[in-house]
PDB file of N, CA and C in Angstrom:
ATOM      1  N   LEU A   1       0.052 -64.609  52.193  1.00  0.00           N
ATOM      2  CA  LEU A   1      -0.809 -63.931  51.237  1.00  0.00           C
ATOM      3  C   LEU A   1      -2.012 -64.807  50.960  1.00  0.00           C
ATOM      4  N   ARG A   2      -3.113 -64.178  50.802  1.00  0.00           N
ATOM      5  CA  ARG A   2      -4.334 -64.895  50.520  1.00  0.00           C
ATOM      6  C   ARG A   2      -4.569 -64.891  49.011  1.00  0.00           C
ATOM      7  N   CYS A   3      -4.861 -66.039  48.473  1.00  0.00           N
ATOM      8  CA  CYS A   3      -5.157 -66.179  47.049  1.00  0.00           C
ATOM      9  C   CYS A   3      -6.625 -66.543  46.924  1.00  0.00           C
ATOM     10  N   HIS A   4      -7.416 -65.687  46.272  1.00  0.00           N
ATOM     11  CA  HIS A   4      -8.854 -65.919  46.142  1.00  0.00           C
ATOM     12  C   HIS A   4      -9.229 -65.939  44.671  1.00  0.00           C
ATOM     13  N   ALA A   5     -10.026 -66.937  44.301  1.00  0.00           N
ATOM     14  CA  ALA A   5     -10.520 -67.022  42.926  1.00  0.00           C
ATOM     15  C   ALA A   5     -11.908 -67.644  42.942  1.00  0.00           C
ATOM     16  N   GLU A   6     -12.714 -67.249  41.980  1.00  0.00           N
ATOM     17  CA  GLU A   6     -14.049 -67.820  41.828  1.00  0.00           C
ATOM     18  C   GLU A   6     -14.149 -68.460  40.464  1.00  0.00           C
ATOM     19  N   GLY A   7     -14.974 -69.486  40.361  1.00  0.00           N
ATOM     20  CA  GLY A   7     -15.177 -70.142  39.080  1.00  0.00           C
ATOM     21  C   GLY A   7     -16.157 -71.289  39.217  1.00  0.00           C
ATOM     22  N   ASP A   8     -16.497 -71.905  38.103  1.00  0.00           N
ATOM     23  CA  ASP A   8     -17.404 -73.044  38.078  1.00  0.00           C
ATOM     24  C   ASP A   8     -16.809 -74.099  37.165  1.00  0.00           C
ATOM     25  N   PRO A   9     -16.278 -75.164  37.731  1.00  0.00           N
ATOM     26  CA  PRO A   9     -16.247 -75.493  39.157  1.00  0.00           C
ATOM     27  C   PRO A   9     -15.255 -74.617  39.913  1.00  0.00           C
ATOM     28  N   ALA A  10     -15.453 -74.566  41.239  1.00  0.00           N
ATOM     29  CA  ALA A  10     -14.576 -73.753  42.095  1.00  0.00           C
ATOM     30  C   ALA A  10     -13.125 -74.177  41.886  1.00  0.00           C
ATOM     31  N   PRO A  11     -12.238 -73.219  41.648  1.00  0.00           N
ATOM     32  CA  PRO A  11     -10.833 -73.569  41.410  1.00  0.00           C
ATOM     33  C   PRO A  11     -10.079 -73.865  42.702  1.00  0.00           C
ATOM     34  N   SER A  12      -9.035 -74.641  42.578  1.00  0.00           N
ATOM     35  CA  SER A  12      -8.088 -74.782  43.672  1.00  0.00           C
ATOM     36  C   SER A  12      -7.091 -73.642  43.516  1.00  0.00           C
ATOM     37  N   THR A  13      -6.573 -73.142  44.626  1.00  0.00           N
ATOM     38  CA  THR A  13      -5.646 -72.011  44.567  1.00  0.00           C
ATOM     39  C   THR A  13      -4.361 -72.345  45.302  1.00  0.00           C
ATOM     40  N   ARG A  14      -3.303 -71.688  44.876  1.00  0.00           N
ATOM     41  CA  ARG A  14      -1.994 -71.850  45.502  1.00  0.00           C
ATOM     42  C   ARG A  14      -1.255 -70.527  45.382  1.00  0.00           C
ATOM     43  N   CYS A  15      -0.623 -70.130  46.469  1.00  0.00           N
ATOM     44  CA  CYS A  15       0.192 -68.931  46.461  1.00  0.00           C
ATOM     45  C   CYS A  15       1.583 -69.334  46.921  1.00  0.00           C
ATOM     46  N   ALA A  16       2.590 -69.022  46.131  1.00  0.00           N
ATOM     47  CA  ALA A  16       3.956 -69.409  46.467  1.00  0.00           C
ATOM     48  C   ALA A  16       4.913 -68.291  46.073  1.00  0.00           C
ATOM     49  N   ARG A  17       6.022 -68.243  46.754  1.00  0.00           N
ATOM     50  CA  ARG A  17       7.060 -67.280  46.391  1.00  0.00           C
ATOM     51  C   ARG A  17       7.617 -67.676  45.030  1.00  0.00           C
ATOM     52  N   ASP A  18       7.780 -66.709  44.160  1.00  0.00           N
ATOM     53  CA  ASP A  18       8.278 -66.970  42.811  1.00  0.00           C
ATOM     54  C   ASP A  18       9.636 -67.660  42.885  1.00  0.00           C
ATOM     55  N   GLY A  19       9.764 -68.765  42.188  1.00  0.00           N
ATOM     56  CA  GLY A  19      11.003 -69.515  42.195  1.00  0.00           C
ATOM     57  C   GLY A  19      11.086 -70.507  43.331  1.00  0.00           C
ATOM     58  N   GLY A  20      10.117 -70.456  44.256  1.00  0.00           N
ATOM     59  CA  GLY A  20      10.112 -71.381  45.388  1.00  0.00           C
ATOM     60  C   GLY A  20       9.377 -72.660  45.033  1.00  0.00           C
ATOM     61  N   THR A  21       9.607 -73.678  45.817  1.00  0.00           N
ATOM     62  CA  THR A  21       8.949 -74.955  45.573  1.00  0.00           C
ATOM     63  C   THR A  21       7.837 -75.224  46.567  1.00  0.00           C
ATOM     64  N   HIS A  22       7.690 -74.355  47.582  1.00  0.00           N
ATOM     65  CA  HIS A  22       6.687 -74.580  48.611  1.00  0.00           C
ATOM     66  C   HIS A  22       5.694 -73.442  48.626  1.00  0.00           C
ATOM     67  N   ASP A  23       4.472 -73.752  49.104  1.00  0.00           N
ATOM     68  CA  ASP A  23       3.480 -72.710  49.292  1.00  0.00           C
ATOM     69  C   ASP A  23       4.001 -71.691  50.289  1.00  0.00           C
ATOM     70  N   SER A  24       3.458 -70.472  50.210  1.00  0.00           N
ATOM     71  CA  SER A  24       3.885 -69.457  51.162  1.00  0.00           C
ATOM     72  C   SER A  24       3.540 -69.912  52.573  1.00  0.00           C
ATOM     73  N   ASP A  25       4.328 -69.494  53.524  1.00  0.00           N
ATOM     74  CA  ASP A  25       4.168 -69.888  54.915  1.00  0.00           C
ATOM     75  C   ASP A  25       3.042 -69.075  55.536  1.00  0.00           C
ATOM     76  N   THR A  26       1.862 -69.676  55.664  1.00  0.00           N
ATOM     77  CA  THR A  26       0.712 -68.953  56.201  1.00  0.00           C
ATOM     78  C   THR A  26       0.091 -69.718  57.351  1.00  0.00           C
ATOM     79  N   HIS A  27      -0.639 -68.985  58.173  1.00  0.00           N
ATOM     80  CA  HIS A  27      -1.437 -69.579  59.231  1.00  0.00           C
ATOM     81  C   HIS A  27      -2.874 -69.596  58.732  1.00  0.00           C
ATOM     82  N   ASP A  28      -3.808 -70.145  59.514  1.00  0.00           N
ATOM     83  CA  ASP A  28      -5.218 -70.118  59.129  1.00  0.00           C
ATOM     84  C   ASP A  28      -5.616 -68.679  58.854  1.00  0.00           C
ATOM     85  N   GLY A  29      -6.357 -68.467  57.800  1.00  0.00           N
ATOM     86  CA  GLY A  29      -6.769 -67.135  57.425  1.00  0.00           C
ATOM     87  C   GLY A  29      -5.823 -66.477  56.443  1.00  0.00           C
ATOM     88  N   GLY A  30      -4.714 -67.114  56.141  1.00  0.00           N
ATOM     89  CA  GLY A  30      -3.833 -66.628  55.101  1.00  0.00           C
ATOM     90  C   GLY A  30      -2.881 -65.527  55.497  1.00  0.00           C
ATOM     91  N   THR A  31      -2.643 -65.348  56.805  1.00  0.00           N
ATOM     92  CA  THR A  31      -1.722 -64.297  57.207  1.00  0.00           C
ATOM     93  C   THR A  31      -0.647 -64.849  58.135  1.00  0.00           C
ATOM     94  N   ARG A  32       0.452 -64.133  58.212  1.00  0.00           N
ATOM     95  CA  ARG A  32       1.527 -64.469  59.147  1.00  0.00           C
ATOM     96  C   ARG A  32       1.555 -63.424  60.239  1.00  0.00           C
ATOM     97  N   ASP A  33       1.946 -63.846  61.433  1.00  0.00           N
ATOM     98  CA  ASP A  33       2.034 -62.911  62.547  1.00  0.00           C
ATOM     99  C   ASP A  33       3.234 -61.985  62.392  1.00  0.00           C
ATOM    100  N   MET A  34       4.354 -62.521  61.927  1.00  0.00           N
ATOM    101  CA  MET A  34       5.589 -61.742  61.827  1.00  0.00           C
ATOM    102  C   MET A  34       6.174 -61.900  60.427  1.00  0.00           C
ATOM    103  N   VAL A  35       6.614 -60.804  59.861  1.00  0.00           N
ATOM    104  CA  VAL A  35       7.333 -60.861  58.589  1.00  0.00           C
ATOM    105  C   VAL A  35       8.633 -60.098  58.750  1.00  0.00           C
ATOM    106  N   THR A  36       9.593 -60.425  57.922  1.00  0.00           N
ATOM    107  CA  THR A  36      10.870 -59.721  57.924  1.00  0.00           C
ATOM    108  C   THR A  36      11.152 -59.252  56.506  1.00  0.00           C
ATOM    109  N   ARG A  37      12.189 -58.456  56.355  1.00  0.00           N
ATOM    110  CA  ARG A  37      12.553 -57.997  55.010  1.00  0.00           C
ATOM    111  C   ARG A  37      12.873 -59.164  54.087  1.00  0.00           C
ATOM    112  N   ALA A  38      13.350 -60.268  54.667  1.00  0.00           N
ATOM    113  CA  ALA A  38      13.667 -61.452  53.860  1.00  0.00           C
ATOM    114  C   ALA A  38      12.420 -62.064  53.220  1.00  0.00           C
ATOM    115  N   ASP A  39      11.230 -61.725  53.726  1.00  0.00           N
ATOM    116  CA  ASP A  39       9.987 -62.240  53.145  1.00  0.00           C
ATOM    117  C   ASP A  39       9.575 -61.474  51.897  1.00  0.00           C
ATOM    118  N   GLY A  40      10.227 -60.366  51.628  1.00  0.00           N
ATOM    119  CA  GLY A  40       9.902 -59.593  50.437  1.00  0.00           C
ATOM    120  C   GLY A  40      10.253 -60.363  49.172  1.00  0.00           C
ATOM    121  N   GLY A  41       9.611 -60.011  48.093  1.00  0.00           N
ATOM    122  CA  GLY A  41       9.872 -60.655  46.803  1.00  0.00           C
ATOM    123  C   GLY A  41       8.600 -60.804  46.009  1.00  0.00           C
ATOM    124  N   ARG A  42       8.688 -61.481  44.896  1.00  0.00           N
ATOM    125  CA  ARG A  42       7.521 -61.702  44.041  1.00  0.00           C
ATOM    126  C   ARG A  42       6.826 -62.990  44.459  1.00  0.00           C
ATOM    127  N   TYR A  43       5.511 -62.905  44.640  1.00  0.00           N
ATOM    128  CA  TYR A  43       4.687 -64.060  44.972  1.00  0.00           C
ATOM    129  C   TYR A  43       3.703 -64.297  43.835  1.00  0.00           C
ATOM    130  N   VAL A  44       3.458 -65.554  43.543  1.00  0.00           N
ATOM    131  CA  VAL A  44       2.589 -65.928  42.426  1.00  0.00           C
ATOM    132  C   VAL A  44       1.384 -66.687  42.960  1.00  0.00           C
ATOM    133  N   CYS A  45       0.204 -66.247  42.541  1.00  0.00           N
ATOM    134  CA  CYS A  45      -1.044 -66.929  42.877  1.00  0.00           C
ATOM    135  C   CYS A  45      -1.531 -67.657  41.628  1.00  0.00           C
ATOM    136  N   ARG A  46      -1.900 -68.915  41.802  1.00  0.00           N
ATOM    137  CA  ARG A  46      -2.347 -69.725  40.678  1.00  0.00           C
ATOM    138  C   ARG A  46      -3.695 -70.351  41.035  1.00  0.00           C
ATOM    139  N   ALA A  47      -4.690 -70.157  40.187  1.00  0.00           N
ATOM    140  CA  ALA A  47      -6.013 -70.771  40.352  1.00  0.00           C
ATOM    141  C   ALA A  47      -6.215 -71.758  39.206  1.00  0.00           C
ATOM    142  N   THR A  48      -6.639 -72.962  39.544  1.00  0.00           N
ATOM    143  CA  THR A  48      -6.771 -74.016  38.538  1.00  0.00           C
ATOM    144  C   THR A  48      -8.107 -74.742  38.683  1.00  0.00           C
ATOM    145  N   ASN A  49      -8.776 -74.939  37.563  1.00  0.00           N
ATOM    146  CA  ASN A  49      -9.906 -75.867  37.510  1.00  0.00           C
ATOM    147  C   ASN A  49      -9.867 -76.554  36.147  1.00  0.00           C
ATOM    148  N   ARG A  50     -10.864 -77.354  35.842  1.00  0.00           N
ATOM    149  CA  ARG A  50     -10.808 -78.146  34.609  1.00  0.00           C
ATOM    150  C   ARG A  50     -10.830 -77.295  33.340  1.00  0.00           C
ATOM    151  N   HIS A  51     -11.173 -76.027  33.465  1.00  0.00           N
ATOM    152  CA  HIS A  51     -11.220 -75.147  32.297  1.00  0.00           C
ATOM    153  C   HIS A  51      -9.900 -74.428  32.030  1.00  0.00           C
ATOM    154  N   GLY A  52      -8.987 -74.501  32.996  1.00  0.00           N
ATOM    155  CA  GLY A  52      -7.709 -73.853  32.753  1.00  0.00           C
ATOM    156  C   GLY A  52      -7.053 -73.324  34.011  1.00  0.00           C
ATOM    157  N   VAL A  53      -6.118 -72.406  33.796  1.00  0.00           N
ATOM    158  CA  VAL A  53      -5.307 -71.844  34.863  1.00  0.00           C
ATOM    159  C   VAL A  53      -5.271 -70.330  34.722  1.00  0.00           C
ATOM    160  N   ALA A  54      -5.381 -69.626  35.841  1.00  0.00           N
ATOM    161  CA  ALA A  54      -5.196 -68.179  35.871  1.00  0.00           C
ATOM    162  C   ALA A  54      -4.048 -67.897  36.837  1.00  0.00           C
ATOM    163  N   VAL A  55      -3.141 -67.015  36.441  1.00  0.00           N
ATOM    164  CA  VAL A  55      -1.964 -66.716  37.256  1.00  0.00           C
ATOM    165  C   VAL A  55      -1.828 -65.209  37.414  1.00  0.00           C
ATOM    166  N   ARG A  56      -1.563 -64.787  38.632  1.00  0.00           N
ATOM    167  CA  ARG A  56      -1.282 -63.380  38.922  1.00  0.00           C
ATOM    168  C   ARG A  56      -0.100 -63.326  39.866  1.00  0.00           C
ATOM    169  N   SER A  57       0.653 -62.229  39.811  1.00  0.00           N
ATOM    170  CA  SER A  57       1.778 -62.084  40.729  1.00  0.00           C
ATOM    171  C   SER A  57       1.732 -60.715  41.395  1.00  0.00           C
ATOM    172  N   VAL A  58       2.380 -60.647  42.545  1.00  0.00           N
ATOM    173  CA  VAL A  58       2.453 -59.395  43.295  1.00  0.00           C
ATOM    174  C   VAL A  58       3.862 -59.276  43.861  1.00  0.00           C
ATOM    175  N   LEU A  59       4.375 -58.059  43.875  1.00  0.00           N
ATOM    176  CA  LEU A  59       5.691 -57.794  44.444  1.00  0.00           C
ATOM    177  C   LEU A  59       5.492 -57.265  45.858  1.00  0.00           C
ATOM    178  N   VAL A  60       6.037 -57.973  46.836  1.00  0.00           N
ATOM    179  CA  VAL A  60       5.903 -57.605  48.247  1.00  0.00           C
ATOM    180  C   VAL A  60       7.203 -56.953  48.711  1.00  0.00           C
ATOM    181  N   THR A  61       7.074 -55.772  49.312  1.00  0.00           N
ATOM    182  CA  THR A  61       8.209 -55.077  49.900  1.00  0.00           C
ATOM    183  C   THR A  61       7.922 -54.881  51.377  1.00  0.00           C
ATOM    184  N   VAL A  62       8.810 -55.348  52.231  1.00  0.00           N
ATOM    185  CA  VAL A  62       8.672 -55.160  53.670  1.00  0.00           C
ATOM    186  C   VAL A  62       9.557 -53.983  54.048  1.00  0.00           C
ATOM    187  N   GLU A  63       8.938 -52.862  54.412  1.00  0.00           N
ATOM    188  CA  GLU A  63       9.693 -51.656  54.711  1.00  0.00           C
ATOM    189  C   GLU A  63      10.099 -51.563  56.166  1.00  0.00           C
ATOM    190  N   CYS A  64       9.356 -52.155  57.051  1.00  0.00           N
ATOM    191  CA  CYS A  64       9.641 -52.083  58.475  1.00  0.00           C
ATOM    192  C   CYS A  64       9.309 -53.436  59.077  1.00  0.00           C
ATOM    193  N   GLU A  65      10.194 -53.934  59.912  1.00  0.00           N
ATOM    194  CA  GLU A  65       9.914 -55.211  60.554  1.00  0.00           C
ATOM    195  C   GLU A  65       9.881 -55.024  62.057  1.00  0.00           C
ATOM    196  N   ARG A  66       9.009 -55.767  62.692  1.00  0.00           N
ATOM    197  CA  ARG A  66       8.876 -55.720  64.143  1.00  0.00           C
ATOM    198  C   ARG A  66       9.968 -56.596  64.749  1.00  0.00           C
ATOM    199  N   ARG A  67      10.613 -56.106  65.756  1.00  0.00           N
ATOM    200  CA  ARG A  67      11.696 -56.869  66.403  1.00  0.00           C
ATOM    201  C   ARG A  67      11.171 -57.466  67.712  1.00  0.00           C
ATOM    202  N   GLU A  68      11.727 -58.623  68.060  1.00  0.00           N
ATOM    203  CA  GLU A  68      11.383 -59.249  69.332  1.00  0.00           C
ATOM    204  C   GLU A  68      11.666 -58.284  70.464  1.00  0.00           C
ATOM    205  N   GLY A  69      10.765 -58.234  71.454  1.00  0.00           N
ATOM    206  CA  GLY A  69      10.981 -57.379  72.615  1.00  0.00           C
ATOM    207  C   GLY A  69      10.436 -55.984  72.460  1.00  0.00           C
ATOM    208  N   THR A  70       9.940 -55.629  71.259  1.00  0.00           N
ATOM    209  CA  THR A  70       9.340 -54.312  71.074  1.00  0.00           C
ATOM    210  C   THR A  70       7.844 -54.434  71.266  1.00  0.00           C
ATOM    211  N   PRO A  71       7.143 -53.342  71.561  1.00  0.00           N
ATOM    212  CA  PRO A  71       5.692 -53.425  71.736  1.00  0.00           C
ATOM    213  C   PRO A  71       5.031 -54.116  70.545  1.00  0.00           C
ATOM    214  N   GLY A  72       4.186 -55.079  70.843  1.00  0.00           N
ATOM    215  CA  GLY A  72       3.530 -55.836  69.787  1.00  0.00           C
ATOM    216  C   GLY A  72       4.380 -56.982  69.303  1.00  0.00           C
ATOM    217  N   GLY A  73       5.620 -57.125  69.753  1.00  0.00           N
ATOM    218  CA  GLY A  73       6.529 -58.150  69.301  1.00  0.00           C
ATOM    219  C   GLY A  73       6.734 -59.148  70.341  1.00  0.00           C
TER     220      GLY A  73
END
């Protein structure tokens, strides 16, 4: 998931699965090539600069997953 925030000074951002201790598993550009139903859940985006913190969350539901050996997989 991509976490975007604007501010002055520019905030640092972090997106992590709720309850997790690590940032979400992303490649350059903020996306993953493959997701599974296990990747579903609540993700929290946090933007921080010297003026404070802004937090937003999103609930991700994976309805269909691509399997190895299928077209595009």
